[in-house]
Amino acid sequence: MNAQRPDLAELDLPELEAALEARGHERFHARQLYRWIYKRAVTDVDRMTDLSRSLRERLASEFTLTTPAVVGDECSIDGTRKFVLQLADSRRIEAVFIPDTPSMTFCISTQVGCAMACGFCLTGKMGLVRNLTPGEIAGQVRVLANATGMLDHPFNIVLMGMGEPLHNYDNTMKALRMLHSEHGLAVSPRRVTLSTVGIVPGLERLAREPLMPNLAISLHATTDEQRTELVPPNRKYPLAAILDACRGFPLKKRSRITFEYVMLDGVNDTPDDARRLAKLVAGIKSKVNLIPLNPAPGIPYDRPSDERVDRFAQILADRHITVSVRKSRGRDIRAACGQLIVEGGTKKSAAQQMALLMR
């Protein structure tokens, strides 16, 4: 953030009130600015017409307002839209609008690239370029809501785009607070799902948050040996530690933890895997979301047959595990789970990736 000219997009409401007051403005203008920026997706202070012209001129000279720019907008045959967004430093990220799921859903990113290096995910092939700022995370929602006509309609947010949200914890949570503000988009935490590979210290922090999103854990394997191969952070945060954190996670009356499980043909989709998975999640208020792999060039795994997926799901159901099979959306435009990638990433070695994770 520029010390002389703070970015309005990076400030939560209390910060904005303080910044205005420090420059001799009334604090209540912060609420007006939030309505323009979030509720109306206005990106130019001069267009904020319930502010006096003299105030607009001063604000334009004292602050900046940065918004991700849409440089790509591709529509799938199933109605899914993938947006390529360019940031102020010319880095690019992807975000996805998934209609009728049954709600309208925005899948947004928290990092440029990702350090987790999951073996079945294209984003992991990029390595981690950098964290997104709170304004860049919240800015994706501003842009998508405006582009899809959803500013005045309820929508869901899933933090399942590029990056690991708990690896960028502070910026991610600040963005959610900004989006939650009643003077802006007023997004309820019940409409937000945070997906993580299971960064245990982050899970422990999340459990204490006053503004707590729904939680989805990317499990993907039923033994530590196999999970470490598929999800390298498992070396630091093994299954037992993740599941212990889940058992202690506070859940509201109708809430459940979602365990996501990408199914790889002949790798983790056997009946024995299903039986082990049922034992792992037993006793945790949860549901299992099976995700048949979305194949892509460079990913050394295949999608299992529908019969294998159905057999796996039935074994879980027979053991009284709530289970669903995710219908892939946007596969034809590479917008489905695990398919988000942009040019310009710098692939790091496994050692470099793990060093980033352990920060």
Protein backbone atom coordinates (compact mmCIF):
# COMPACT_ATOMS: atom_id res chain seq x y z
CA MET A 1 0.00 0.00 0.00
CA ASN A 2 1.32 3.47 -0.91
CA ALA A 3 2.07 5.31 2.38
CA GLN A 4 1.14 8.67 0.85
CA ARG A 5 -1.92 7.52 -1.06
CA PRO A 6 -3.65 4.56 0.60
CA ASP A 7 -5.66 2.27 -1.64
CA LEU A 8 -9.37 2.40 -0.82
CA ALA A 9 -9.66 -1.21 -2.00
CA GLU A 10 -7.26 -2.39 0.71
CA LEU A 11 -8.98 -0.80 3.72
CA ASP A 12 -11.59 -2.41 5.92
CA LEU A 13 -14.26 -0.07 7.26
CA PRO A 14 -12.53 0.88 10.56
CA GLU A 15 -9.27 1.53 8.68
CA LEU A 16 -11.10 3.68 6.13
CA GLU A 17 -12.85 5.67 8.85
CA ALA A 18 -9.49 6.31 10.54
CA ALA A 19 -7.81 7.26 7.25
CA LEU A 20 -10.55 9.76 6.44
CA GLU A 21 -10.48 11.26 9.91
CA ALA A 22 -6.70 11.65 9.74
CA ARG A 23 -7.15 13.75 6.59
CA GLY A 24 -9.84 15.96 8.09
CA HIS A 25 -12.91 14.19 6.64
CA GLU A 26 -16.01 12.97 8.44
CA ARG A 27 -15.92 9.29 9.36
CA PHE A 28 -19.41 8.62 7.97
CA HIS A 29 -18.08 9.09 4.43
CA ALA A 30 -16.44 5.66 4.83
CA ARG A 31 -19.87 4.04 4.72
CA GLN A 32 -20.73 5.96 1.56
CA LEU A 33 -17.47 4.90 -0.07
CA TYR A 34 -18.08 1.26 0.85
CA ARG A 35 -21.50 1.34 -0.77
CA TRP A 36 -20.07 2.75 -3.98
CA ILE A 37 -17.09 0.41 -4.12
CA TYR A 38 -18.81 -2.84 -3.13
CA LYS A 39 -22.55 -2.48 -3.59
CA ARG A 40 -22.31 -0.57 -6.87
CA ALA A 41 -18.87 -1.69 -8.10
CA VAL A 42 -17.85 1.88 -8.93
CA THR A 43 -14.11 2.18 -9.52
CA ASP A 44 -13.80 5.96 -10.00
CA VAL A 45 -14.26 8.32 -7.03
CA ASP A 46 -15.52 11.03 -9.38
CA ARG A 47 -18.62 8.93 -10.09
CA MET A 48 -19.62 8.76 -6.41
CA THR A 49 -22.27 11.41 -6.80
CA ASP A 50 -23.64 11.59 -3.25
CA LEU A 51 -20.27 13.05 -2.26
CA SER A 52 -19.65 16.74 -2.90
CA ARG A 53 -17.46 17.60 -5.86
CA SER A 54 -14.85 19.17 -3.61
CA LEU A 55 -14.72 16.03 -1.46
CA ARG A 56 -14.40 13.82 -4.53
CA GLU A 57 -11.53 15.93 -5.78
CA ARG A 58 -9.75 15.67 -2.45
CA LEU A 59 -10.34 11.92 -2.17
CA ALA A 60 -9.00 11.40 -5.70
CA SER A 61 -5.82 13.22 -4.74
CA GLU A 62 -5.44 11.53 -1.36
CA PHE A 63 -6.32 7.90 -2.20
CA THR A 64 -6.08 5.40 -5.01
CA LEU A 65 -8.71 2.78 -5.88
CA THR A 66 -7.31 -0.36 -7.47
CA THR A 67 -9.53 -2.96 -9.14
CA PRO A 68 -8.49 -6.15 -10.99
CA ALA A 69 -8.98 -5.72 -14.73
CA VAL A 70 -10.84 -8.33 -16.78
CA VAL A 71 -8.54 -9.41 -19.60
CA GLY A 72 -10.34 -12.68 -20.37
CA ASP A 73 -13.96 -13.84 -20.09
CA GLU A 74 -14.75 -17.29 -21.44
CA CYS A 75 -18.11 -19.07 -21.23
CA SER A 76 -18.53 -22.84 -21.01
CA ILE A 77 -21.27 -24.80 -22.72
CA ASP A 78 -22.77 -25.35 -19.24
CA GLY A 79 -22.91 -21.62 -18.44
CA THR A 80 -19.79 -21.48 -16.28
CA ARG A 81 -17.67 -18.35 -16.92
CA LYS A 82 -13.93 -18.15 -16.35
CA PHE A 83 -12.43 -14.71 -15.84
CA VAL A 84 -8.77 -13.90 -16.28
CA LEU A 85 -7.98 -10.89 -14.11
CA GLN A 86 -4.90 -8.71 -14.36
CA LEU A 87 -3.55 -7.14 -11.18
CA ALA A 88 -1.77 -3.82 -10.74
CA ASP A 89 1.66 -5.47 -11.11
CA SER A 90 0.51 -7.20 -14.33
CA ARG A 91 0.31 -10.61 -12.64
CA ARG A 92 -2.76 -12.59 -13.65
CA ILE A 93 -5.16 -14.83 -11.77
CA GLU A 94 -8.32 -16.74 -12.63
CA ALA A 95 -11.74 -16.66 -10.99
CA VAL A 96 -14.88 -18.56 -11.97
CA PHE A 97 -18.62 -17.88 -11.91
CA ILE A 98 -20.62 -21.10 -11.54
CA PRO A 99 -24.36 -20.51 -12.01
CA ASP A 100 -27.18 -22.66 -10.65
CA THR A 101 -25.20 -24.77 -8.18
CA PRO A 102 -28.12 -24.45 -7.01
CA SER A 103 -27.01 -21.01 -5.83
CA MET A 104 -24.89 -18.65 -7.87
CA THR A 105 -21.28 -19.20 -6.86
CA PHE A 106 -18.02 -17.29 -7.29
CA CYS A 107 -14.85 -19.36 -7.06
CA ILE A 108 -12.05 -16.96 -6.22
CA SER A 109 -8.29 -17.11 -5.75
CA THR A 110 -6.16 -16.20 -2.74
CA GLN A 111 -2.68 -16.45 -4.29
CA VAL A 112 -0.95 -16.10 -7.64
CA GLY A 113 -0.03 -19.75 -8.08
CA CYS A 114 0.25 -22.13 -5.13
CA ALA A 115 3.01 -23.64 -3.00
CA MET A 116 1.13 -26.84 -2.13
CA ALA A 117 2.21 -28.69 -5.31
CA CYS A 118 -0.66 -31.21 -5.27
CA GLY A 119 0.10 -33.78 -7.94
CA PHE A 120 -3.30 -33.58 -9.70
CA CYS A 121 -3.67 -29.76 -9.77
CA LEU A 122 -2.49 -27.47 -12.55
CA THR A 123 -2.22 -24.45 -10.25
CA GLY A 124 0.42 -26.31 -8.26
CA LYS A 125 2.51 -26.55 -11.42
CA MET A 126 2.94 -22.75 -11.29
CA GLY A 127 4.59 -22.67 -7.88
CA LEU A 128 3.80 -19.75 -5.62
CA VAL A 129 4.37 -16.38 -7.26
CA ARG A 130 2.95 -14.24 -4.45
CA ASN A 131 0.09 -13.80 -2.03
CA LEU A 132 -2.91 -11.74 -3.05
CA THR A 133 -3.69 -8.67 -0.97
CA PRO A 134 -7.05 -8.34 0.81
CA GLY A 135 -8.15 -5.86 -1.84
CA GLU A 136 -7.21 -8.23 -4.64
CA ILE A 137 -9.16 -11.08 -3.04
CA ALA A 138 -12.25 -8.97 -2.36
CA GLY A 139 -11.77 -7.23 -5.71
CA GLN A 140 -12.44 -10.47 -7.56
CA VAL A 141 -15.89 -10.61 -5.96
CA ARG A 142 -16.57 -6.96 -6.85
CA VAL A 143 -15.62 -7.60 -10.46
CA LEU A 144 -17.50 -10.89 -10.84
CA ALA A 145 -20.66 -9.61 -9.12
CA ASN A 146 -20.71 -6.62 -11.45
CA ALA A 147 -19.93 -8.62 -14.60
CA THR A 148 -22.61 -11.23 -13.88
CA GLY A 149 -25.36 -8.87 -12.71
CA MET A 150 -25.25 -10.25 -9.16
CA LEU A 151 -24.60 -7.05 -7.18
CA ASP A 152 -28.19 -6.98 -5.92
CA HIS A 153 -28.64 -10.75 -5.58
CA PRO A 154 -27.38 -13.32 -3.07
CA PHE A 155 -24.44 -15.45 -4.10
CA ASN A 156 -22.01 -17.92 -2.58
CA ILE A 157 -18.24 -17.64 -2.46
CA VAL A 158 -15.85 -20.59 -2.48
CA LEU A 159 -12.18 -19.99 -1.76
CA MET A 160 -11.24 -22.82 -4.10
CA GLY A 161 -9.48 -20.96 -6.90
CA MET A 162 -5.75 -20.51 -7.22
CA GLY A 163 -3.80 -20.79 -3.97
CA GLU A 164 -4.13 -22.11 -0.42
CA PRO A 165 -6.24 -19.70 1.69
CA LEU A 166 -4.66 -20.65 5.02
CA HIS A 167 -1.19 -20.04 3.54
CA ASN A 168 -2.33 -16.42 3.08
CA TYR A 169 -4.35 -16.34 6.28
CA ASP A 170 -4.37 -12.69 7.35
CA ASN A 171 -5.12 -11.30 3.90
CA THR A 172 -7.84 -13.87 3.27
CA MET A 173 -9.63 -13.20 6.54
CA LYS A 174 -9.40 -9.43 6.13
CA ALA A 175 -10.94 -9.77 2.66
CA LEU A 176 -13.84 -11.76 4.13
CA ARG A 177 -14.41 -9.05 6.74
CA MET A 178 -14.48 -6.43 3.99
CA LEU A 179 -16.99 -8.45 1.97
CA HIS A 180 -19.11 -9.01 5.09
CA SER A 181 -19.60 -5.31 5.84
CA GLU A 182 -23.27 -4.35 5.93
CA HIS A 183 -22.40 -1.18 4.04
CA GLY A 184 -21.05 -3.18 1.11
CA LEU A 185 -21.95 -6.61 -0.24
CA ALA A 186 -22.94 -7.94 3.22
CA VAL A 187 -21.83 -11.50 2.40
CA SER A 188 -22.79 -13.81 5.26
CA PRO A 189 -20.08 -16.24 6.41
CA ARG A 190 -22.69 -18.98 5.90
CA ARG A 191 -22.36 -18.26 2.17
CA VAL A 192 -18.56 -18.62 2.16
CA THR A 193 -16.62 -21.89 2.02
CA LEU A 194 -12.88 -21.98 2.63
CA SER A 195 -11.07 -24.96 1.12
CA THR A 196 -7.70 -26.01 2.53
CA VAL A 197 -5.28 -28.92 2.31
CA GLY A 198 -5.14 -28.76 6.10
CA ILE A 199 -2.60 -26.23 7.38
CA VAL A 200 -3.10 -27.13 11.04
CA PRO A 201 -2.00 -23.83 12.66
CA GLY A 202 -4.35 -22.05 10.26
CA LEU A 203 -7.19 -24.39 11.19
CA GLU A 204 -6.56 -23.66 14.87
CA ARG A 205 -6.68 -19.90 14.19
CA LEU A 206 -9.78 -20.28 12.06
CA ALA A 207 -11.55 -22.09 14.90
CA ARG A 208 -11.27 -18.89 16.97
CA GLU A 209 -12.50 -16.48 14.30
CA PRO A 210 -15.64 -14.46 15.12
CA LEU A 211 -16.38 -14.43 11.37
CA MET A 212 -16.11 -18.11 10.46
CA PRO A 213 -16.69 -19.44 6.94
CA ASN A 214 -17.73 -22.99 6.14
CA LEU A 215 -14.78 -25.37 6.08
CA ALA A 216 -13.76 -27.83 3.38
CA ILE A 217 -10.72 -30.08 3.86
CA SER A 218 -8.96 -31.42 0.77
CA LEU A 219 -8.24 -34.97 1.93
CA HIS A 220 -7.67 -36.96 -1.29
CA ALA A 221 -6.09 -40.03 0.35
CA THR A 222 -6.61 -42.41 3.25
CA THR A 223 -3.01 -43.19 4.26
CA ASP A 224 -0.17 -40.81 5.07
CA GLU A 225 2.11 -42.51 2.57
CA GLN A 226 -0.30 -41.97 -0.30
CA ARG A 227 -1.37 -38.50 0.80
CA THR A 228 2.22 -37.29 1.06
CA GLU A 229 2.75 -38.38 -2.53
CA LEU A 230 -0.40 -36.56 -3.72
CA VAL A 231 -0.40 -33.61 -1.28
CA PRO A 232 3.19 -32.80 -0.19
CA PRO A 233 2.20 -30.63 2.85
CA ASN A 234 1.06 -33.91 4.46
CA ARG A 235 4.71 -34.39 5.49
CA LYS A 236 4.30 -31.50 7.93
CA TYR A 237 0.58 -31.89 8.70
CA PRO A 238 -0.35 -35.60 8.55
CA LEU A 239 -3.85 -37.01 8.53
CA ALA A 240 -4.09 -37.56 12.28
CA ALA A 241 -3.22 -33.93 13.05
CA ILE A 242 -5.71 -32.61 10.50
CA LEU A 243 -8.53 -34.86 11.69
CA ASP A 244 -7.83 -33.94 15.33
CA ALA A 245 -8.16 -30.28 14.39
CA CYS A 246 -11.44 -31.08 12.64
CA ARG A 247 -12.80 -32.89 15.69
CA GLY A 248 -12.17 -29.78 17.77
CA PHE A 249 -13.56 -27.36 15.21
CA PRO A 250 -16.65 -25.46 16.42
CA LEU A 251 -19.66 -26.04 14.18
CA LYS A 252 -23.02 -24.39 14.22
CA LYS A 253 -26.16 -26.48 14.51
CA ARG A 254 -26.66 -27.18 10.82
CA SER A 255 -23.02 -26.96 9.74
CA ARG A 256 -20.74 -29.77 8.64
CA ILE A 257 -17.11 -29.99 7.60
CA THR A 258 -16.80 -31.03 3.97
CA PHE A 259 -14.07 -33.53 3.14
CA GLU A 260 -13.11 -33.18 -0.52
CA TYR A 261 -11.71 -36.24 -2.20
CA VAL A 262 -10.36 -36.07 -5.76
CA MET A 263 -10.68 -39.54 -7.26
CA LEU A 264 -7.79 -40.83 -9.38
CA ASP A 265 -8.26 -43.93 -11.47
CA GLY A 266 -6.50 -46.92 -9.93
CA VAL A 267 -4.79 -44.77 -7.29
CA ASN A 268 -7.19 -43.85 -4.48
CA ASP A 269 -10.54 -45.14 -5.73
CA THR A 270 -10.58 -48.74 -4.51
CA PRO A 271 -13.14 -50.28 -2.13
CA ASP A 272 -10.40 -50.46 0.51
CA ASP A 273 -9.83 -46.72 0.12
CA ALA A 274 -13.54 -46.12 0.61
CA ARG A 275 -13.65 -48.24 3.74
CA ARG A 276 -10.59 -46.46 5.19
CA LEU A 277 -12.12 -43.07 4.38
CA ALA A 278 -15.30 -43.98 6.22
CA LYS A 279 -13.26 -44.89 9.31
CA LEU A 280 -11.20 -41.69 9.14
CA VAL A 281 -14.20 -39.35 9.16
CA ALA A 282 -16.39 -41.41 11.51
CA GLY A 283 -17.53 -39.33 14.45
CA ILE A 284 -16.87 -36.00 12.74
CA LYS A 285 -19.94 -34.00 11.77
CA SER A 286 -19.16 -34.01 8.08
CA LYS A 287 -19.97 -34.88 4.53
CA VAL A 288 -17.73 -36.26 1.81
CA ASN A 289 -17.62 -34.62 -1.61
CA LEU A 290 -16.18 -36.97 -4.23
CA ILE A 291 -14.54 -35.17 -7.17
CA PRO A 292 -13.69 -37.35 -10.17
CA LEU A 293 -10.42 -35.97 -11.57
CA ASN A 294 -10.62 -33.28 -14.22
CA PRO A 295 -7.81 -34.44 -16.54
CA ALA A 296 -5.40 -31.93 -18.05
CA PRO A 297 -2.12 -32.03 -19.96
CA GLY A 298 0.75 -32.44 -17.54
CA ILE A 299 -1.33 -34.24 -14.90
CA PRO A 300 -0.17 -37.90 -14.65
CA TYR A 301 -3.51 -39.34 -13.54
CA ASP A 302 -6.76 -40.39 -15.16
CA ARG A 303 -10.42 -39.93 -14.30
CA PRO A 304 -12.06 -43.09 -12.89
CA SER A 305 -15.10 -44.60 -14.54
CA ASP A 306 -18.57 -43.69 -13.33
CA GLU A 307 -18.94 -47.26 -12.10
CA ARG A 308 -15.88 -46.94 -9.83
CA VAL A 309 -17.10 -43.60 -8.51
CA ASP A 310 -20.57 -44.99 -7.83
CA ARG A 311 -19.16 -48.06 -6.05
CA PHE A 312 -16.95 -45.86 -3.87
CA ALA A 313 -19.88 -43.60 -2.98
CA GLN A 314 -22.10 -46.57 -2.15
CA ILE A 315 -19.54 -48.00 0.27
CA LEU A 316 -19.50 -44.67 2.12
CA ALA A 317 -23.28 -44.40 2.13
CA ASP A 318 -23.60 -47.95 3.46
CA ARG A 319 -21.49 -46.81 6.42
CA HIS A 320 -23.81 -43.87 7.06
CA ILE A 321 -21.44 -41.25 5.63
CA THR A 322 -23.20 -38.37 3.88
CA VAL A 323 -21.69 -38.37 0.40
CA SER A 324 -22.11 -36.48 -2.85
CA VAL A 325 -20.37 -36.60 -6.22
CA ARG A 326 -19.40 -33.21 -7.61
CA LYS A 327 -20.57 -32.52 -11.12
CA SER A 328 -17.67 -30.94 -12.96
CA ARG A 329 -18.48 -27.52 -14.40
CA GLY A 330 -16.52 -25.62 -17.02
CA ARG A 331 -14.24 -28.47 -18.06
CA ASP A 332 -14.33 -27.38 -21.72
CA ILE A 333 -12.79 -23.99 -20.83
CA ARG A 334 -10.38 -25.38 -18.18
CA ALA A 335 -12.39 -23.80 -15.37
CA ALA A 336 -13.09 -26.94 -13.33
CA CYS A 337 -11.51 -27.98 -10.03
CA GLY A 338 -7.73 -28.22 -10.35
CA GLN A 339 -7.58 -26.68 -13.82
CA LEU A 340 -6.80 -23.02 -13.07
CA ILE A 341 -3.40 -21.86 -14.30
CA VAL A 342 -2.01 -18.73 -15.93
CA GLU A 343 1.20 -18.10 -17.83
CA GLY A 344 4.14 -16.56 -16.08
CA GLY A 345 4.35 -18.74 -12.98
CA THR A 346 7.82 -19.73 -11.83
CA LYS A 347 7.97 -23.37 -10.90
CA LYS A 348 9.98 -23.89 -7.73
CA SER A 349 11.73 -27.00 -6.53
CA ALA A 350 10.08 -29.27 -3.97
CA ALA A 351 12.49 -27.96 -1.33
CA GLN A 352 11.61 -24.35 -2.14
CA GLN A 353 7.89 -25.14 -2.01
CA MET A 354 8.20 -26.76 1.41
CA ALA A 355 10.25 -23.83 2.70
CA LEU A 356 7.45 -21.50 1.64
CA LEU A 357 4.90 -23.70 3.38
CA MET A 358 6.84 -23.73 6.65
CA ARG A 359 7.05 -19.94 6.94
